[in-house]
Amino acid sequence: MIQRIQTIYLVLVALLGGVAPFLVYLWLDANGKEFFAQNDIMVSVALYLTGALALVAIFLYKKRQNQFVLNRLNMILNLFLLGFFVYRSLNLSGETLVSEKGIGMLIPVFSIVFLVLANRAIKKDEDLVKSVDRLR
C-alpha cells in the first residue's frame, strides 16, 4: 500500500536527494564562494540517482523484497557519496579549496537514516503478511 510510513521516509529521501542539494551549499571555498551540487556533475548525478531510486522504490510497494533491495542499493550509493564528501573535505591540505563545510554535506547521512527506517518498516510489513498467510 502506498499510504504506509515507508512511503513518507522514501519521499523524504527523494526530496533530500533531488531538491535539497541545490538549495543548500555543500561547502565554501577559500574565496567565500558557495559550492552547490550542480557545480560538479558527478555529485549532481549521484544525488539525482539517489532521489530517483527512492521514487522508484515508492512505487514498488507490491514487491516488498525488491523495494527492500533497492533501498539497500540506495544506501550503498549514499555511503559512496558520503565517503566522497569526507575525502574531499579532509584530503585538501591547507584549506586551499574548502574553508567551511556546509549543511549539504550531511544530506547522505540523513538519507541513510531515512532509508534504514524505511527498510525497517518494509520488513515489519513483510513479517505481518507472512504471519497472516500462516493463519490461512
N, C-alpha and C. Protein backbone atom coordinates (compact mmCIF):
# COMPACT_ATOMS: atom_id res chain seq x y z
N MET A 1 0.84 -1.18 0.00
CA MET A 1 0.00 0.00 0.00
C MET A 1 0.88 1.24 0.00
N ILE A 2 0.46 2.21 -0.72
CA ILE A 2 1.28 3.40 -0.87
C ILE A 2 1.15 4.36 0.31
N GLN A 3 0.17 4.16 1.18
CA GLN A 3 -0.02 5.07 2.30
C GLN A 3 0.70 4.61 3.56
N ARG A 4 1.70 3.78 3.44
CA ARG A 4 2.44 3.28 4.58
C ARG A 4 3.50 4.30 5.01
N ILE A 5 4.08 4.10 6.19
CA ILE A 5 5.06 5.03 6.74
C ILE A 5 6.35 5.03 5.92
N GLN A 6 6.69 3.88 5.29
CA GLN A 6 7.92 3.87 4.49
C GLN A 6 7.82 4.78 3.29
N THR A 7 6.61 5.06 2.84
CA THR A 7 6.43 6.00 1.73
C THR A 7 6.86 7.40 2.16
N ILE A 8 6.53 7.78 3.37
CA ILE A 8 6.94 9.10 3.87
C ILE A 8 8.46 9.17 3.97
N TYR A 9 9.08 8.11 4.47
CA TYR A 9 10.53 8.08 4.57
C TYR A 9 11.18 8.17 3.19
N LEU A 10 10.62 7.46 2.23
CA LEU A 10 11.19 7.47 0.88
C LEU A 10 10.96 8.80 0.18
N VAL A 11 9.84 9.45 0.45
CA VAL A 11 9.62 10.79 -0.11
C VAL A 11 10.64 11.77 0.47
N LEU A 12 10.93 11.64 1.76
CA LEU A 12 11.95 12.50 2.37
C LEU A 12 13.32 12.26 1.75
N VAL A 13 13.65 11.01 1.46
CA VAL A 13 14.92 10.70 0.80
C VAL A 13 14.94 11.30 -0.60
N ALA A 14 13.83 11.19 -1.31
CA ALA A 14 13.76 11.76 -2.66
C ALA A 14 13.92 13.27 -2.63
N LEU A 15 13.30 13.91 -1.64
CA LEU A 15 13.46 15.37 -1.52
C LEU A 15 14.89 15.73 -1.12
N LEU A 16 15.46 14.96 -0.22
CA LEU A 16 16.85 15.23 0.18
C LEU A 16 17.81 15.03 -0.99
N GLY A 17 17.58 14.01 -1.78
CA GLY A 17 18.48 13.72 -2.89
C GLY A 17 18.23 14.56 -4.12
N GLY A 18 16.99 14.95 -4.35
CA GLY A 18 16.68 15.64 -5.59
C GLY A 18 16.56 17.14 -5.49
N VAL A 19 16.22 17.65 -4.32
CA VAL A 19 15.95 19.09 -4.20
C VAL A 19 16.93 19.80 -3.27
N ALA A 20 17.16 19.23 -2.11
CA ALA A 20 17.94 19.92 -1.07
C ALA A 20 19.37 20.28 -1.49
N PRO A 21 20.11 19.44 -2.22
CA PRO A 21 21.49 19.82 -2.55
C PRO A 21 21.59 21.04 -3.45
N PHE A 22 20.51 21.37 -4.09
CA PHE A 22 20.54 22.51 -4.99
C PHE A 22 20.01 23.77 -4.31
N LEU A 23 19.57 23.62 -3.06
CA LEU A 23 19.13 24.77 -2.27
C LEU A 23 20.14 25.14 -1.19
N VAL A 24 20.84 24.15 -0.64
CA VAL A 24 21.85 24.40 0.39
C VAL A 24 23.22 24.09 -0.20
N TYR A 25 24.21 24.85 0.22
CA TYR A 25 25.55 24.65 -0.34
C TYR A 25 26.27 23.53 0.39
N LEU A 26 27.20 22.90 -0.33
CA LEU A 26 27.96 21.80 0.23
C LEU A 26 29.15 22.32 1.05
N TRP A 27 29.83 23.33 0.52
CA TRP A 27 30.93 23.95 1.24
C TRP A 27 31.23 25.30 0.64
N LEU A 28 32.02 26.07 1.36
CA LEU A 28 32.52 27.36 0.88
C LEU A 28 33.98 27.19 0.50
N ASP A 29 34.39 27.78 -0.63
CA ASP A 29 35.80 27.69 -0.98
C ASP A 29 36.58 28.80 -0.27
N ALA A 30 37.86 28.90 -0.56
CA ALA A 30 38.73 29.86 0.13
C ALA A 30 38.31 31.30 -0.15
N ASN A 31 37.67 31.56 -1.28
CA ASN A 31 37.22 32.91 -1.63
C ASN A 31 35.87 33.26 -1.03
N GLY A 32 35.24 32.33 -0.36
CA GLY A 32 33.92 32.56 0.22
C GLY A 32 32.79 32.26 -0.75
N LYS A 33 33.11 31.67 -1.90
CA LYS A 33 32.09 31.33 -2.88
C LYS A 33 31.44 30.00 -2.50
N GLU A 34 30.12 29.94 -2.56
CA GLU A 34 29.38 28.73 -2.21
C GLU A 34 29.48 27.70 -3.32
N PHE A 35 29.71 26.44 -2.94
CA PHE A 35 29.80 25.35 -3.89
C PHE A 35 28.54 24.51 -3.76
N PHE A 36 27.73 24.52 -4.79
CA PHE A 36 26.49 23.74 -4.82
C PHE A 36 26.73 22.44 -5.58
N ALA A 37 25.78 21.53 -5.51
CA ALA A 37 25.92 20.23 -6.16
C ALA A 37 25.96 20.36 -7.68
N GLN A 38 25.28 21.35 -8.24
CA GLN A 38 25.27 21.47 -9.69
C GLN A 38 26.61 21.95 -10.25
N ASN A 39 27.53 22.36 -9.38
CA ASN A 39 28.85 22.77 -9.84
C ASN A 39 29.73 21.57 -10.19
N ASP A 40 29.41 20.40 -9.71
CA ASP A 40 30.15 19.18 -10.00
C ASP A 40 29.17 18.15 -10.57
N ILE A 41 29.44 17.69 -11.79
CA ILE A 41 28.49 16.83 -12.49
C ILE A 41 28.35 15.46 -11.80
N MET A 42 29.43 14.93 -11.26
CA MET A 42 29.36 13.61 -10.62
C MET A 42 28.53 13.65 -9.33
N VAL A 43 28.69 14.70 -8.57
CA VAL A 43 27.91 14.85 -7.33
C VAL A 43 26.44 15.02 -7.66
N SER A 44 26.14 15.84 -8.66
CA SER A 44 24.73 16.05 -9.00
C SER A 44 24.10 14.78 -9.58
N VAL A 45 24.84 14.00 -10.36
CA VAL A 45 24.31 12.74 -10.90
C VAL A 45 24.04 11.76 -9.76
N ALA A 46 24.97 11.67 -8.81
CA ALA A 46 24.78 10.75 -7.68
C ALA A 46 23.58 11.16 -6.84
N LEU A 47 23.40 12.45 -6.63
CA LEU A 47 22.26 12.90 -5.82
C LEU A 47 20.94 12.72 -6.57
N TYR A 48 20.94 12.97 -7.88
CA TYR A 48 19.73 12.70 -8.66
C TYR A 48 19.40 11.21 -8.67
N LEU A 49 20.43 10.38 -8.75
CA LEU A 49 20.21 8.94 -8.75
C LEU A 49 19.64 8.48 -7.41
N THR A 50 20.09 9.09 -6.33
CA THR A 50 19.54 8.79 -5.01
C THR A 50 18.05 9.12 -4.95
N GLY A 51 17.69 10.29 -5.44
CA GLY A 51 16.28 10.68 -5.46
C GLY A 51 15.44 9.80 -6.37
N ALA A 52 16.00 9.44 -7.52
CA ALA A 52 15.27 8.61 -8.47
C ALA A 52 15.06 7.19 -7.92
N LEU A 53 16.07 6.63 -7.26
CA LEU A 53 15.91 5.30 -6.67
C LEU A 53 14.85 5.30 -5.58
N ALA A 54 14.80 6.38 -4.81
CA ALA A 54 13.78 6.47 -3.76
C ALA A 54 12.38 6.56 -4.38
N LEU A 55 12.24 7.33 -5.46
CA LEU A 55 10.93 7.43 -6.12
C LEU A 55 10.51 6.10 -6.74
N VAL A 56 11.45 5.38 -7.33
CA VAL A 56 11.13 4.07 -7.90
C VAL A 56 10.72 3.11 -6.79
N ALA A 57 11.41 3.18 -5.66
CA ALA A 57 11.10 2.28 -4.54
C ALA A 57 9.70 2.54 -3.98
N ILE A 58 9.24 3.77 -4.06
CA ILE A 58 7.90 4.09 -3.57
C ILE A 58 6.85 3.29 -4.33
N PHE A 59 7.03 3.17 -5.64
CA PHE A 59 6.02 2.50 -6.45
C PHE A 59 6.23 1.00 -6.56
N LEU A 60 7.18 0.45 -5.84
CA LEU A 60 7.36 -0.99 -5.77
C LEU A 60 6.70 -1.56 -4.52
N TYR A 61 5.64 -0.93 -4.05
CA TYR A 61 5.03 -1.33 -2.79
C TYR A 61 4.41 -2.73 -2.85
N LYS A 62 4.10 -3.23 -4.04
CA LYS A 62 3.54 -4.57 -4.14
C LYS A 62 4.64 -5.64 -4.09
N LYS A 63 5.86 -5.24 -4.41
CA LYS A 63 7.01 -6.15 -4.38
C LYS A 63 7.95 -5.68 -3.28
N ARG A 64 7.64 -6.08 -2.07
CA ARG A 64 8.38 -5.58 -0.91
C ARG A 64 9.84 -6.00 -0.90
N GLN A 65 10.14 -7.19 -1.38
CA GLN A 65 11.54 -7.64 -1.41
C GLN A 65 12.36 -6.79 -2.37
N ASN A 66 11.80 -6.47 -3.53
CA ASN A 66 12.50 -5.61 -4.48
C ASN A 66 12.68 -4.21 -3.92
N GLN A 67 11.68 -3.73 -3.21
CA GLN A 67 11.75 -2.41 -2.58
C GLN A 67 12.87 -2.40 -1.53
N PHE A 68 12.97 -3.48 -0.77
CA PHE A 68 14.00 -3.61 0.26
C PHE A 68 15.40 -3.58 -0.36
N VAL A 69 15.58 -4.34 -1.44
CA VAL A 69 16.88 -4.42 -2.12
C VAL A 69 17.23 -3.07 -2.76
N LEU A 70 16.27 -2.42 -3.35
CA LEU A 70 16.52 -1.12 -3.97
C LEU A 70 16.92 -0.08 -2.92
N ASN A 71 16.32 -0.15 -1.76
CA ASN A 71 16.72 0.75 -0.67
C ASN A 71 18.14 0.46 -0.20
N ARG A 72 18.51 -0.80 -0.18
CA ARG A 72 19.89 -1.14 0.20
C ARG A 72 20.89 -0.62 -0.83
N LEU A 73 20.55 -0.73 -2.11
CA LEU A 73 21.42 -0.16 -3.14
C LEU A 73 21.53 1.36 -2.98
N ASN A 74 20.43 1.98 -2.63
CA ASN A 74 20.43 3.42 -2.40
C ASN A 74 21.31 3.78 -1.20
N MET A 75 21.29 2.93 -0.17
CA MET A 75 22.16 3.17 0.99
C MET A 75 23.63 3.07 0.59
N ILE A 76 23.97 2.11 -0.25
CA ILE A 76 25.35 1.96 -0.71
C ILE A 76 25.78 3.18 -1.52
N LEU A 77 24.90 3.67 -2.38
CA LEU A 77 25.20 4.87 -3.15
C LEU A 77 25.41 6.07 -2.22
N ASN A 78 24.59 6.20 -1.20
CA ASN A 78 24.76 7.29 -0.25
C ASN A 78 26.04 7.15 0.56
N LEU A 79 26.44 5.91 0.87
CA LEU A 79 27.71 5.71 1.57
C LEU A 79 28.89 6.13 0.70
N PHE A 80 28.85 5.80 -0.60
CA PHE A 80 29.89 6.27 -1.51
C PHE A 80 29.92 7.79 -1.59
N LEU A 81 28.76 8.38 -1.66
CA LEU A 81 28.68 9.84 -1.72
C LEU A 81 29.20 10.47 -0.44
N LEU A 82 28.86 9.90 0.70
CA LEU A 82 29.37 10.39 1.98
C LEU A 82 30.88 10.23 2.05
N GLY A 83 31.39 9.11 1.58
CA GLY A 83 32.83 8.89 1.54
C GLY A 83 33.53 9.91 0.65
N PHE A 84 32.92 10.23 -0.48
CA PHE A 84 33.50 11.25 -1.36
C PHE A 84 33.54 12.61 -0.67
N PHE A 85 32.46 12.96 0.03
CA PHE A 85 32.43 14.24 0.73
C PHE A 85 33.49 14.30 1.83
N VAL A 86 33.63 13.22 2.57
CA VAL A 86 34.63 13.19 3.64
C VAL A 86 36.03 13.25 3.04
N TYR A 87 36.28 12.50 1.98
CA TYR A 87 37.57 12.54 1.31
C TYR A 87 37.88 13.94 0.80
N ARG A 88 36.90 14.54 0.20
CA ARG A 88 37.09 15.88 -0.37
C ARG A 88 37.36 16.91 0.70
N SER A 89 36.70 16.78 1.83
CA SER A 89 36.88 17.78 2.88
C SER A 89 38.15 17.56 3.70
N LEU A 90 38.60 16.30 3.85
CA LEU A 90 39.77 16.02 4.68
C LEU A 90 41.07 15.92 3.90
N ASN A 91 41.01 15.64 2.63
CA ASN A 91 42.22 15.41 1.85
C ASN A 91 42.86 16.69 1.35
N LEU A 92 42.15 17.78 1.35
CA LEU A 92 42.70 19.03 0.85
C LEU A 92 43.55 19.67 1.93
N SER A 93 44.82 19.84 1.63
CA SER A 93 45.74 20.35 2.64
C SER A 93 45.72 21.87 2.67
N GLY A 94 45.87 22.42 3.83
CA GLY A 94 45.99 23.86 3.99
C GLY A 94 44.74 24.64 3.67
N GLU A 95 43.62 23.98 3.55
CA GLU A 95 42.35 24.61 3.23
C GLU A 95 42.46 25.51 2.00
N THR A 96 43.04 24.97 0.96
CA THR A 96 43.20 25.75 -0.25
C THR A 96 41.89 25.89 -1.01
N LEU A 97 41.08 24.86 -0.98
CA LEU A 97 39.82 24.91 -1.74
C LEU A 97 38.59 24.91 -0.86
N VAL A 98 38.66 24.28 0.29
CA VAL A 98 37.50 24.19 1.16
C VAL A 98 37.82 24.88 2.46
N SER A 99 37.08 25.91 2.80
CA SER A 99 37.36 26.60 4.06
C SER A 99 36.25 26.38 5.09
N GLU A 100 35.03 26.13 4.65
CA GLU A 100 33.93 25.90 5.58
C GLU A 100 32.99 24.87 4.99
N LYS A 101 32.67 23.87 5.78
CA LYS A 101 31.75 22.83 5.33
C LYS A 101 30.32 23.31 5.51
N GLY A 102 29.48 22.95 4.56
CA GLY A 102 28.08 23.36 4.63
C GLY A 102 27.20 22.22 5.12
N ILE A 103 25.96 22.55 5.37
CA ILE A 103 24.99 21.56 5.84
C ILE A 103 24.68 20.53 4.75
N GLY A 104 24.94 20.86 3.51
CA GLY A 104 24.68 19.96 2.41
C GLY A 104 25.50 18.69 2.45
N MET A 105 26.63 18.72 3.17
CA MET A 105 27.45 17.51 3.28
C MET A 105 26.80 16.45 4.15
N LEU A 106 25.78 16.82 4.92
CA LEU A 106 25.09 15.86 5.78
C LEU A 106 23.89 15.20 5.10
N ILE A 107 23.61 15.57 3.86
CA ILE A 107 22.47 15.01 3.14
C ILE A 107 22.56 13.48 3.02
N PRO A 108 23.73 12.90 2.67
CA PRO A 108 23.79 11.43 2.62
C PRO A 108 23.54 10.77 3.98
N VAL A 109 23.95 11.41 5.07
CA VAL A 109 23.73 10.84 6.40
C VAL A 109 22.24 10.78 6.70
N PHE A 110 21.53 11.87 6.45
CA PHE A 110 20.08 11.88 6.68
C PHE A 110 19.37 10.90 5.76
N SER A 111 19.84 10.80 4.52
CA SER A 111 19.23 9.85 3.58
C SER A 111 19.40 8.42 4.06
N ILE A 112 20.58 8.09 4.56
CA ILE A 112 20.82 6.73 5.05
C ILE A 112 19.92 6.43 6.25
N VAL A 113 19.75 7.39 7.14
CA VAL A 113 18.89 7.18 8.30
C VAL A 113 17.45 6.91 7.86
N PHE A 114 16.94 7.72 6.93
CA PHE A 114 15.57 7.52 6.47
C PHE A 114 15.42 6.22 5.69
N LEU A 115 16.45 5.81 4.96
CA LEU A 115 16.39 4.53 4.24
C LEU A 115 16.39 3.35 5.20
N VAL A 116 17.14 3.45 6.29
CA VAL A 116 17.12 2.39 7.30
C VAL A 116 15.74 2.30 7.94
N LEU A 117 15.15 3.45 8.25
CA LEU A 117 13.80 3.45 8.83
C LEU A 117 12.78 2.87 7.85
N ALA A 118 12.93 3.20 6.56
CA ALA A 118 12.01 2.65 5.55
C ALA A 118 12.18 1.13 5.44
N ASN A 119 13.42 0.65 5.46
CA ASN A 119 13.63 -0.79 5.38
C ASN A 119 13.10 -1.51 6.61
N ARG A 120 13.19 -0.88 7.75
CA ARG A 120 12.63 -1.49 8.96
C ARG A 120 11.11 -1.60 8.85
N ALA A 121 10.45 -0.58 8.29
CA ALA A 121 9.00 -0.63 8.11
C ALA A 121 8.61 -1.65 7.05
N ILE A 122 9.40 -1.77 6.00
CA ILE A 122 9.13 -2.77 4.96
C ILE A 122 9.25 -4.18 5.54
N LYS A 123 10.27 -4.40 6.34
CA LYS A 123 10.47 -5.71 6.98
C LYS A 123 9.30 -6.03 7.91
N LYS A 124 8.82 -5.01 8.62
CA LYS A 124 7.67 -5.20 9.51
C LYS A 124 6.43 -5.59 8.71
N ASP A 125 6.20 -4.94 7.57
CA ASP A 125 5.07 -5.29 6.70
C ASP A 125 5.20 -6.71 6.17
N GLU A 126 6.42 -7.07 5.76
CA GLU A 126 6.65 -8.41 5.23
C GLU A 126 6.37 -9.47 6.29
N ASP A 127 6.82 -9.22 7.51
CA ASP A 127 6.54 -10.16 8.60
C ASP A 127 5.05 -10.26 8.90
N LEU A 128 4.34 -9.15 8.82
CA LEU A 128 2.90 -9.15 9.04
C LEU A 128 2.18 -9.97 7.97
N VAL A 129 2.57 -9.81 6.72
CA VAL A 129 1.94 -10.57 5.64
C VAL A 129 2.22 -12.06 5.79
N LYS A 130 3.45 -12.41 6.17
CA LYS A 130 3.79 -13.82 6.38
C LYS A 130 2.99 -14.43 7.52
N SER A 131 2.78 -13.65 8.59
CA SER A 131 2.01 -14.18 9.73
C SER A 131 0.54 -14.35 9.37
N VAL A 132 0.01 -13.49 8.55
CA VAL A 132 -1.40 -13.62 8.13
C VAL A 132 -1.56 -14.81 7.19
N ASP A 133 -0.57 -15.02 6.30
CA ASP A 133 -0.62 -16.18 5.41
C ASP A 133 -0.54 -17.49 6.17
N ARG A 134 0.15 -17.48 7.27
CA ARG A 134 0.29 -18.70 8.07
C ARG A 134 -1.04 -19.09 8.71
N LEU A 135 -1.90 -18.11 8.97
CA LEU A 135 -3.20 -18.40 9.60
C LEU A 135 -4.21 -18.97 8.62
N ARG A 136 -3.99 -18.82 7.35
CA ARG A 136 -4.96 -19.29 6.37
C ARG A 136 -4.98 -20.77 6.24
